[in-house]
N, C-alpha and C. Protein backbone atom coordinates (compact mmCIF):
# COMPACT_ATOMS: atom_id res chain seq x y z
N UNK A 1 20.12 -76.82 49.33
CA UNK A 1 19.85 -76.36 47.92
C UNK A 1 20.61 -75.02 47.68
N UNK A 2 21.13 -74.97 46.48
CA UNK A 2 21.91 -73.83 45.99
C UNK A 2 21.09 -72.80 45.78
N UNK A 3 21.86 -71.62 45.61
CA UNK A 3 21.31 -70.23 45.32
C UNK A 3 20.72 -70.39 43.86
N UNK A 4 21.34 -71.30 42.91
CA UNK A 4 20.71 -71.28 41.36
C UNK A 4 19.43 -71.87 41.53
N UNK A 5 19.08 -72.75 42.26
CA UNK A 5 18.07 -73.43 42.22
C UNK A 5 16.67 -72.46 42.90
N UNK A 6 17.01 -71.97 44.02
CA UNK A 6 16.29 -70.88 44.58
C UNK A 6 16.01 -69.74 43.74
N UNK A 7 16.89 -69.29 43.03
CA UNK A 7 16.80 -68.12 41.95
C UNK A 7 15.67 -68.54 40.85
N UNK A 8 15.92 -69.77 40.35
CA UNK A 8 15.05 -70.35 39.37
C UNK A 8 13.56 -70.32 39.80
N UNK A 9 13.54 -71.34 40.87
CA UNK A 9 12.09 -71.34 41.45
C UNK A 9 11.64 -69.95 41.82
N UNK A 10 12.29 -68.99 42.32
CA UNK A 10 11.70 -67.48 42.37
C UNK A 10 11.47 -66.94 41.31
N UNK A 11 12.16 -67.19 40.13
CA UNK A 11 11.74 -66.51 38.90
C UNK A 11 10.40 -67.10 38.29
N UNK A 12 10.26 -68.53 38.30
CA UNK A 12 9.19 -69.01 37.75
C UNK A 12 7.94 -68.60 38.63
N UNK A 13 8.17 -68.65 39.91
CA UNK A 13 7.09 -68.12 40.92
C UNK A 13 6.62 -66.77 40.64
N UNK A 14 7.78 -65.81 40.37
CA UNK A 14 7.41 -64.46 40.16
C UNK A 14 6.83 -64.29 38.74
N UNK A 15 7.20 -64.94 37.79
CA UNK A 15 6.06 -64.82 36.48
C UNK A 15 4.84 -65.37 36.66
N UNK A 16 4.51 -66.21 37.28
CA UNK A 16 3.25 -66.75 37.65
C UNK A 16 2.44 -65.99 38.53
N UNK A 17 3.25 -65.31 39.56
CA UNK A 17 2.44 -64.15 40.33
C UNK A 17 2.12 -62.90 39.40
N UNK A 18 2.99 -62.33 38.61
CA UNK A 18 2.54 -61.48 37.82
C UNK A 18 1.45 -61.92 36.69
N UNK A 19 1.23 -62.91 36.20
CA UNK A 19 0.23 -63.27 35.36
C UNK A 19 -1.15 -63.46 36.31
N UNK A 20 -0.93 -63.93 37.44
CA UNK A 20 -2.35 -64.17 38.33
C UNK A 20 -2.53 -62.62 38.70
N UNK A 21 -1.91 -61.94 38.95
CA UNK A 21 -2.17 -60.66 39.22
C UNK A 21 -2.90 -59.77 38.00
N UNK A 22 -2.16 -59.77 36.91
CA UNK A 22 -2.78 -59.23 35.80
C UNK A 22 -4.19 -59.96 35.51
N UNK A 23 -4.14 -61.35 35.55
CA UNK A 23 -5.51 -61.85 35.27
C UNK A 23 -6.52 -61.35 36.10
N UNK A 24 -6.42 -61.40 37.37
CA UNK A 24 -7.32 -60.97 38.27
C UNK A 24 -7.71 -59.63 38.24
N UNK A 25 -6.82 -58.88 38.09
CA UNK A 25 -7.29 -57.32 38.17
C UNK A 25 -7.79 -56.88 37.01
N UNK A 26 -7.30 -57.42 35.76
CA UNK A 26 -7.78 -57.09 34.38
C UNK A 26 -9.25 -57.88 34.21
N UNK A 27 -9.75 -58.61 34.83
CA UNK A 27 -11.03 -59.40 34.61
C UNK A 27 -12.12 -58.45 34.73
N UNK A 28 -13.10 -58.40 33.77
CA UNK A 28 -14.09 -57.48 33.90
C UNK A 28 -14.93 -57.10 35.21
N UNK A 29 -15.02 -58.17 35.82
CA UNK A 29 -15.66 -57.81 37.29
C UNK A 29 -15.07 -57.03 38.26
N UNK A 30 -13.66 -57.42 38.19
CA UNK A 30 -12.88 -56.61 39.27
C UNK A 30 -12.49 -55.34 38.65
N UNK A 31 -12.18 -55.28 37.44
CA UNK A 31 -11.94 -53.87 36.83
C UNK A 31 -13.01 -52.94 36.60
N UNK A 32 -14.24 -53.62 36.61
CA UNK A 32 -15.50 -52.77 36.57
C UNK A 32 -15.78 -52.26 37.86
N UNK A 33 -15.53 -53.04 39.23
CA UNK A 33 -15.76 -52.57 40.54
C UNK A 33 -14.58 -51.51 40.70
N UNK A 34 -13.36 -51.65 40.40
CA UNK A 34 -12.39 -50.75 40.84
C UNK A 34 -12.62 -49.27 39.88
N UNK A 35 -13.12 -49.36 38.86
CA UNK A 35 -13.39 -48.19 37.91
C UNK A 35 -14.61 -47.37 38.52
N UNK A 36 -15.31 -47.79 39.42
CA UNK A 36 -16.31 -47.02 40.16
C UNK A 36 -15.53 -46.15 41.03
N UNK A 37 -14.52 -46.32 41.49
CA UNK A 37 -13.43 -45.57 42.50
C UNK A 37 -12.74 -44.83 41.76
N UNK A 38 -12.44 -43.44 42.16
CA UNK A 38 -11.45 -42.60 41.68
C UNK A 38 -10.53 -42.01 42.81
N UNK A 39 -9.32 -41.93 42.68
CA UNK A 39 -8.46 -41.61 43.79
C UNK A 39 -7.53 -40.66 43.76
N UNK A 40 -7.89 -39.44 44.62
CA UNK A 40 -7.04 -38.39 44.46
C UNK A 40 -5.54 -38.56 44.76
N UNK A 41 -5.17 -39.57 45.58
CA UNK A 41 -3.75 -40.03 45.91
C UNK A 41 -3.17 -40.90 44.78
N UNK A 42 -3.89 -41.40 43.81
CA UNK A 42 -3.14 -42.45 42.85
C UNK A 42 -2.55 -41.45 41.95
N UNK A 43 -1.32 -41.89 41.65
CA UNK A 43 -0.37 -41.06 40.56
C UNK A 43 -0.75 -41.86 39.29
N UNK A 44 -0.87 -41.01 38.29
CA UNK A 44 -1.15 -41.42 36.75
C UNK A 44 0.22 -42.12 36.34
N UNK A 45 -0.12 -43.21 35.36
CA UNK A 45 1.08 -43.99 35.12
C UNK A 45 1.79 -43.32 34.14
N UNK A 46 1.55 -41.95 33.66
CA UNK A 46 2.52 -40.99 33.03
C UNK A 46 3.65 -40.81 33.71
N UNK A 47 3.72 -40.87 35.14
CA UNK A 47 4.89 -40.49 36.00
C UNK A 47 5.86 -41.42 35.59
N UNK A 48 5.88 -42.67 35.06
CA UNK A 48 6.98 -43.65 34.82
C UNK A 48 6.79 -43.83 33.34
N UNK A 49 6.29 -43.22 32.48
CA UNK A 49 6.27 -43.32 31.06
C UNK A 49 5.10 -44.02 30.51
N UNK A 50 4.02 -44.46 31.12
CA UNK A 50 2.96 -44.98 30.47
C UNK A 50 2.76 -46.45 30.96
N UNK A 51 1.75 -47.22 30.38
CA UNK A 51 1.30 -48.29 30.80
C UNK A 51 2.20 -49.37 30.78
N UNK A 52 2.99 -49.40 29.49
CA UNK A 52 4.08 -50.38 29.22
C UNK A 52 5.06 -50.45 30.36
N UNK A 53 5.67 -49.16 30.69
CA UNK A 53 6.57 -48.94 31.72
C UNK A 53 5.96 -49.57 33.01
N UNK A 54 4.84 -49.21 33.35
CA UNK A 54 4.30 -49.73 34.53
C UNK A 54 4.13 -51.15 34.51
N UNK A 55 3.85 -52.01 33.64
CA UNK A 55 3.79 -53.43 33.75
C UNK A 55 5.25 -53.74 33.65
N UNK A 56 6.30 -53.23 33.10
CA UNK A 56 7.79 -53.57 33.39
C UNK A 56 8.11 -53.55 34.82
N UNK A 57 7.76 -52.17 35.26
CA UNK A 57 8.00 -52.14 36.78
C UNK A 57 7.37 -53.17 37.71
N UNK A 58 6.16 -53.40 37.37
CA UNK A 58 5.39 -54.50 37.97
C UNK A 58 5.98 -55.83 37.93
N UNK A 59 6.35 -56.25 37.02
CA UNK A 59 7.12 -57.55 36.67
C UNK A 59 8.32 -57.55 37.37
N UNK A 60 9.13 -56.63 37.26
CA UNK A 60 10.48 -56.50 37.84
C UNK A 60 10.49 -56.49 39.30
N UNK A 61 9.43 -55.77 39.96
CA UNK A 61 9.21 -55.73 41.29
C UNK A 61 8.81 -57.24 41.86
N UNK A 62 7.91 -57.88 41.17
CA UNK A 62 7.42 -59.04 41.20
C UNK A 62 8.57 -60.20 41.27
N UNK A 63 9.32 -60.24 40.30
CA UNK A 63 10.58 -61.24 40.38
C UNK A 63 11.45 -60.80 41.49
N UNK A 64 11.77 -59.71 41.93
CA UNK A 64 12.65 -59.23 42.91
C UNK A 64 11.91 -59.88 44.12
N UNK A 65 10.78 -59.46 44.50
CA UNK A 65 10.02 -59.92 45.83
C UNK A 65 9.90 -61.41 45.91
N UNK A 66 9.41 -62.09 44.74
CA UNK A 66 9.44 -63.48 44.92
C UNK A 66 10.48 -64.15 45.01
N UNK A 67 11.71 -63.73 44.39
CA UNK A 67 12.91 -64.30 44.80
C UNK A 67 13.40 -64.32 46.25
N UNK A 68 13.19 -63.50 47.01
CA UNK A 68 13.18 -63.32 48.54
C UNK A 68 12.16 -64.41 49.11
N UNK A 69 10.96 -64.34 48.60
CA UNK A 69 9.99 -65.33 49.23
C UNK A 69 10.61 -66.84 48.77
N UNK A 70 11.47 -67.09 47.54
CA UNK A 70 11.84 -68.22 47.55
C UNK A 70 12.94 -68.72 48.29
N UNK A 71 13.73 -67.54 48.67
CA UNK A 71 14.68 -67.78 49.75
C UNK A 71 14.13 -68.33 51.02
N UNK A 72 13.22 -67.37 51.41
CA UNK A 72 12.42 -67.79 52.57
C UNK A 72 12.27 -69.40 52.89
N UNK A 73 11.40 -69.69 51.59
CA UNK A 73 11.02 -70.94 51.53
C UNK A 73 12.05 -72.14 51.72
N UNK A 74 13.15 -71.74 51.03
CA UNK A 74 14.52 -72.53 51.09
C UNK A 74 14.77 -72.86 52.46
N UNK A 75 14.58 -71.89 53.39
CA UNK A 75 15.09 -72.07 54.66
C UNK A 75 14.04 -72.54 55.59
N UNK A 76 12.65 -72.57 55.06
CA UNK A 76 11.69 -73.20 55.97
C UNK A 76 10.98 -74.54 55.62
N UNK A 77 11.23 -74.90 54.39
CA UNK A 77 10.47 -75.85 53.78
C UNK A 77 10.68 -77.04 54.50
N UNK A 78 11.97 -77.30 54.98
CA UNK A 78 12.32 -78.64 55.85
C UNK A 78 11.38 -78.73 57.13
N UNK A 79 11.04 -77.51 57.52
CA UNK A 79 9.93 -77.50 58.89
C UNK A 79 8.60 -77.87 58.45
N UNK A 80 8.24 -77.93 57.46
CA UNK A 80 6.69 -77.95 57.12
C UNK A 80 6.45 -79.57 56.76
N UNK A 81 5.97 -80.17 57.73
CA UNK A 81 5.94 -81.74 57.89
C UNK A 81 4.72 -82.10 56.87
N UNK A 82 4.68 -81.83 55.56
CA UNK A 82 3.90 -82.19 54.52
C UNK A 82 4.89 -82.86 53.36
N UNK A 83 4.46 -84.08 53.03
CA UNK A 83 5.16 -84.80 52.06
C UNK A 83 4.97 -84.23 50.49
N UNK A 84 3.79 -84.11 50.47
CA UNK A 84 3.48 -83.50 48.88
C UNK A 84 3.85 -82.20 48.59
N UNK A 85 4.68 -81.83 47.71
CA UNK A 85 5.08 -80.58 47.32
C UNK A 85 4.05 -79.61 47.13
N UNK A 86 3.17 -79.71 46.34
CA UNK A 86 2.19 -78.72 45.99
C UNK A 86 1.21 -78.39 47.38
N UNK A 87 1.12 -79.49 48.09
CA UNK A 87 0.38 -79.12 49.47
C UNK A 87 1.24 -78.61 50.27
N UNK A 88 2.48 -78.69 50.46
CA UNK A 88 3.43 -77.84 51.30
C UNK A 88 3.61 -76.65 50.85
N UNK A 89 3.53 -76.40 49.35
CA UNK A 89 3.27 -75.01 48.92
C UNK A 89 2.26 -74.21 49.38
N UNK A 90 1.11 -74.89 49.12
CA UNK A 90 -0.28 -74.35 49.59
C UNK A 90 -0.14 -73.86 51.18
N UNK A 91 0.43 -74.71 51.93
CA UNK A 91 0.52 -74.34 53.33
C UNK A 91 1.52 -73.22 53.50
N UNK A 92 2.52 -73.28 52.95
CA UNK A 92 3.51 -72.06 52.76
C UNK A 92 2.87 -70.63 52.30
N UNK A 93 2.03 -70.84 51.17
CA UNK A 93 1.48 -69.82 50.68
C UNK A 93 0.37 -69.12 51.74
N UNK A 94 -0.33 -70.01 52.36
CA UNK A 94 -1.26 -69.57 53.36
C UNK A 94 -0.57 -68.77 54.41
N UNK A 95 0.66 -69.56 54.96
CA UNK A 95 1.36 -68.76 56.00
C UNK A 95 1.85 -67.51 55.34
N UNK A 96 2.26 -67.42 54.17
CA UNK A 96 2.87 -66.04 53.61
C UNK A 96 1.38 -65.21 53.64
N UNK A 97 0.44 -65.49 53.14
CA UNK A 97 -0.70 -64.75 53.11
C UNK A 97 -1.07 -64.11 54.65
N UNK A 98 -0.89 -64.77 55.56
CA UNK A 98 -1.29 -64.63 57.04
C UNK A 98 -0.11 -63.63 57.57
N UNK A 99 1.09 -63.77 57.16
CA UNK A 99 2.06 -62.70 57.63
C UNK A 99 2.24 -61.54 56.77
N UNK A 100 1.73 -61.63 55.52
CA UNK A 100 2.13 -60.31 54.49
C UNK A 100 0.68 -59.75 54.09
N UNK A 101 0.05 -60.64 53.32
CA UNK A 101 -1.17 -59.96 52.73
C UNK A 101 -2.43 -59.58 53.73
N UNK A 102 -2.55 -60.30 54.72
CA UNK A 102 -3.61 -59.89 55.69
C UNK A 102 -3.27 -58.77 56.33
N UNK A 103 -2.16 -58.80 56.92
CA UNK A 103 -1.68 -57.56 57.59
C UNK A 103 -1.68 -56.24 56.79
N UNK A 104 -1.30 -56.27 55.40
CA UNK A 104 -1.13 -55.27 54.60
C UNK A 104 -2.52 -54.68 54.41
N UNK A 105 -3.67 -55.58 54.08
CA UNK A 105 -5.01 -55.08 53.91
C UNK A 105 -5.63 -54.61 55.13
N UNK A 106 -5.16 -55.07 56.35
CA UNK A 106 -5.73 -54.62 57.61
C UNK A 106 -5.25 -53.39 57.94
N UNK A 107 -4.02 -53.20 57.53
CA UNK A 107 -3.40 -51.79 57.97
C UNK A 107 -3.99 -50.62 57.10
N UNK A 108 -4.12 -51.11 55.88
CA UNK A 108 -4.71 -50.07 54.81
C UNK A 108 -6.41 -49.77 55.26
N UNK A 109 -6.95 -50.83 55.75
CA UNK A 109 -8.39 -50.56 56.17
C UNK A 109 -8.41 -49.74 57.37
N UNK A 110 -7.47 -49.85 58.39
CA UNK A 110 -7.47 -49.10 59.43
C UNK A 110 -6.86 -47.68 59.33
N UNK A 111 -6.02 -47.38 58.59
CA UNK A 111 -5.28 -46.27 58.29
C UNK A 111 -5.71 -45.40 57.24
N UNK A 112 -6.51 -45.83 56.27
CA UNK A 112 -6.87 -44.96 55.12
C UNK A 112 -8.39 -45.07 54.85
N UNK A 113 -8.47 -44.03 53.79
CA UNK A 113 -9.93 -44.16 53.46
C UNK A 113 -10.30 -44.72 52.21
N UNK A 114 -9.28 -45.95 51.99
CA UNK A 114 -9.41 -46.86 50.92
C UNK A 114 -10.82 -47.60 51.07
N UNK A 115 -11.59 -47.65 49.93
CA UNK A 115 -13.10 -48.44 50.04
C UNK A 115 -12.87 -49.66 50.53
N UNK A 116 -13.80 -50.20 51.26
CA UNK A 116 -13.90 -51.58 51.95
C UNK A 116 -13.97 -52.48 50.83
N UNK A 117 -14.92 -52.30 49.64
CA UNK A 117 -14.94 -53.27 48.58
C UNK A 117 -13.43 -53.53 48.00
N UNK A 118 -12.74 -52.54 47.68
CA UNK A 118 -11.39 -52.53 47.15
C UNK A 118 -10.55 -53.24 48.18
N UNK A 119 -10.48 -53.04 49.54
CA UNK A 119 -9.93 -53.89 50.39
C UNK A 119 -9.98 -55.47 50.28
N UNK A 120 -11.59 -55.57 50.07
CA UNK A 120 -12.00 -57.25 49.83
C UNK A 120 -11.25 -57.79 48.69
N UNK A 121 -11.06 -56.96 47.59
CA UNK A 121 -10.72 -57.57 46.42
C UNK A 121 -8.98 -57.58 46.50
N UNK A 122 -8.50 -56.72 47.17
CA UNK A 122 -7.03 -57.06 47.68
C UNK A 122 -6.80 -58.08 48.35
N UNK A 123 -7.67 -58.42 49.36
CA UNK A 123 -7.63 -59.68 50.35
C UNK A 123 -7.61 -60.73 49.49
N UNK A 124 -8.74 -60.99 48.57
CA UNK A 124 -8.88 -62.31 47.79
C UNK A 124 -7.75 -62.42 46.73
N UNK A 125 -7.17 -61.17 46.49
CA UNK A 125 -6.16 -61.31 45.39
C UNK A 125 -4.79 -61.74 46.10
N UNK A 126 -4.64 -61.28 47.30
CA UNK A 126 -3.44 -61.71 48.15
C UNK A 126 -3.46 -63.40 48.43
N UNK A 127 -4.76 -63.51 48.62
CA UNK A 127 -4.88 -65.00 49.06
C UNK A 127 -4.58 -65.89 47.97
N UNK A 128 -5.35 -65.71 46.79
CA UNK A 128 -5.23 -66.52 45.72
C UNK A 128 -3.81 -66.62 45.27
N UNK A 129 -3.18 -65.30 45.08
CA UNK A 129 -1.92 -65.21 44.82
C UNK A 129 -0.86 -66.01 45.60
N UNK A 130 -1.04 -65.77 46.81
CA UNK A 130 -0.22 -66.59 47.93
C UNK A 130 -0.31 -68.02 47.59
N UNK A 131 -1.48 -68.64 47.72
CA UNK A 131 -1.57 -69.89 47.70
C UNK A 131 -0.98 -70.61 46.37
N UNK A 132 -1.28 -69.84 44.91
CA UNK A 132 -0.86 -70.25 43.74
C UNK A 132 0.80 -70.36 43.71
N UNK A 133 1.34 -69.18 44.08
CA UNK A 133 2.79 -68.98 44.07
C UNK A 133 3.24 -69.85 45.12
N UNK A 134 2.77 -70.03 46.26
CA UNK A 134 3.39 -71.15 47.24
C UNK A 134 3.59 -72.60 46.67
N UNK A 135 2.60 -72.69 45.94
CA UNK A 135 2.39 -74.18 45.35
C UNK A 135 3.28 -74.34 44.25
N UNK A 136 3.39 -73.31 43.27
CA UNK A 136 4.47 -73.36 42.20
C UNK A 136 5.93 -73.40 42.73
N UNK A 137 6.02 -72.66 43.72
CA UNK A 137 7.56 -72.40 44.22
C UNK A 137 7.95 -73.52 44.75
N UNK A 138 7.02 -74.43 45.56
CA UNK A 138 7.41 -75.50 46.21
C UNK A 138 7.49 -76.82 45.26
N UNK A 139 6.69 -76.90 44.05
CA UNK A 139 6.80 -77.90 43.08
C UNK A 139 8.10 -77.62 42.30
N UNK A 140 8.39 -76.42 41.76
CA UNK A 140 9.63 -76.06 41.10
C UNK A 140 10.94 -76.57 42.08
N UNK A 141 10.99 -75.96 43.23
CA UNK A 141 11.99 -76.18 44.10
C UNK A 141 12.23 -77.60 44.49
N UNK A 142 11.18 -78.46 44.30
CA UNK A 142 11.32 -80.20 44.74
C UNK A 142 11.99 -80.53 43.41
N UNK A 143 11.44 -80.22 42.23
CA UNK A 143 11.95 -80.98 41.15
C UNK A 143 13.16 -80.49 40.76
N UNK A 144 13.58 -79.06 40.96
CA UNK A 144 15.23 -78.88 40.97
C UNK A 144 15.97 -79.62 41.81
N UNK A 145 15.31 -79.79 43.13
CA UNK A 145 16.22 -80.47 44.13
C UNK A 145 16.46 -81.95 43.98
N UNK A 146 15.31 -82.61 43.29
CA UNK A 146 15.33 -84.20 43.13
C UNK A 146 16.45 -84.25 41.87
N UNK A 147 16.24 -83.32 40.86
CA UNK A 147 17.25 -83.59 39.76
C UNK A 147 18.62 -83.56 40.08
N UNK A 148 18.78 -82.73 41.03
CA UNK A 148 20.07 -82.53 41.65
C UNK A 148 20.81 -83.66 42.25
N UNK A 149 20.06 -84.44 42.81
CA UNK A 149 20.54 -85.79 43.63
C UNK A 149 20.53 -86.93 42.77
């Protein structure tokens, strides 16, 4: 698979990841829980010019990181013995969660005083995002691969 296809799949998955993250953290239940905690260590969004700039930074970082996830998928997808693209993507997303999301939350839990409830929220967010992004990435990747041949 060429880098163009990997880049397109990464961009699509990056936008999906951004939307999932915003939808998850902005829903009233999650934002209500998070608003119960204030953190001395959190920077104000003013340090990057406000909320709009923060969203742009979040989107750009999502696209950047998801591109590398797409590269990783392009190298590993042949080793996943599942025929269905979306199921292969779910499996890849779960693996991604196990090697990235889960350790991230565990380290935060072990090394900081971050509230347990917020760690649980982050853990659920990582899992949902990883699974959906993996599935989207695999489906787009397969569609681009099959249209090329």
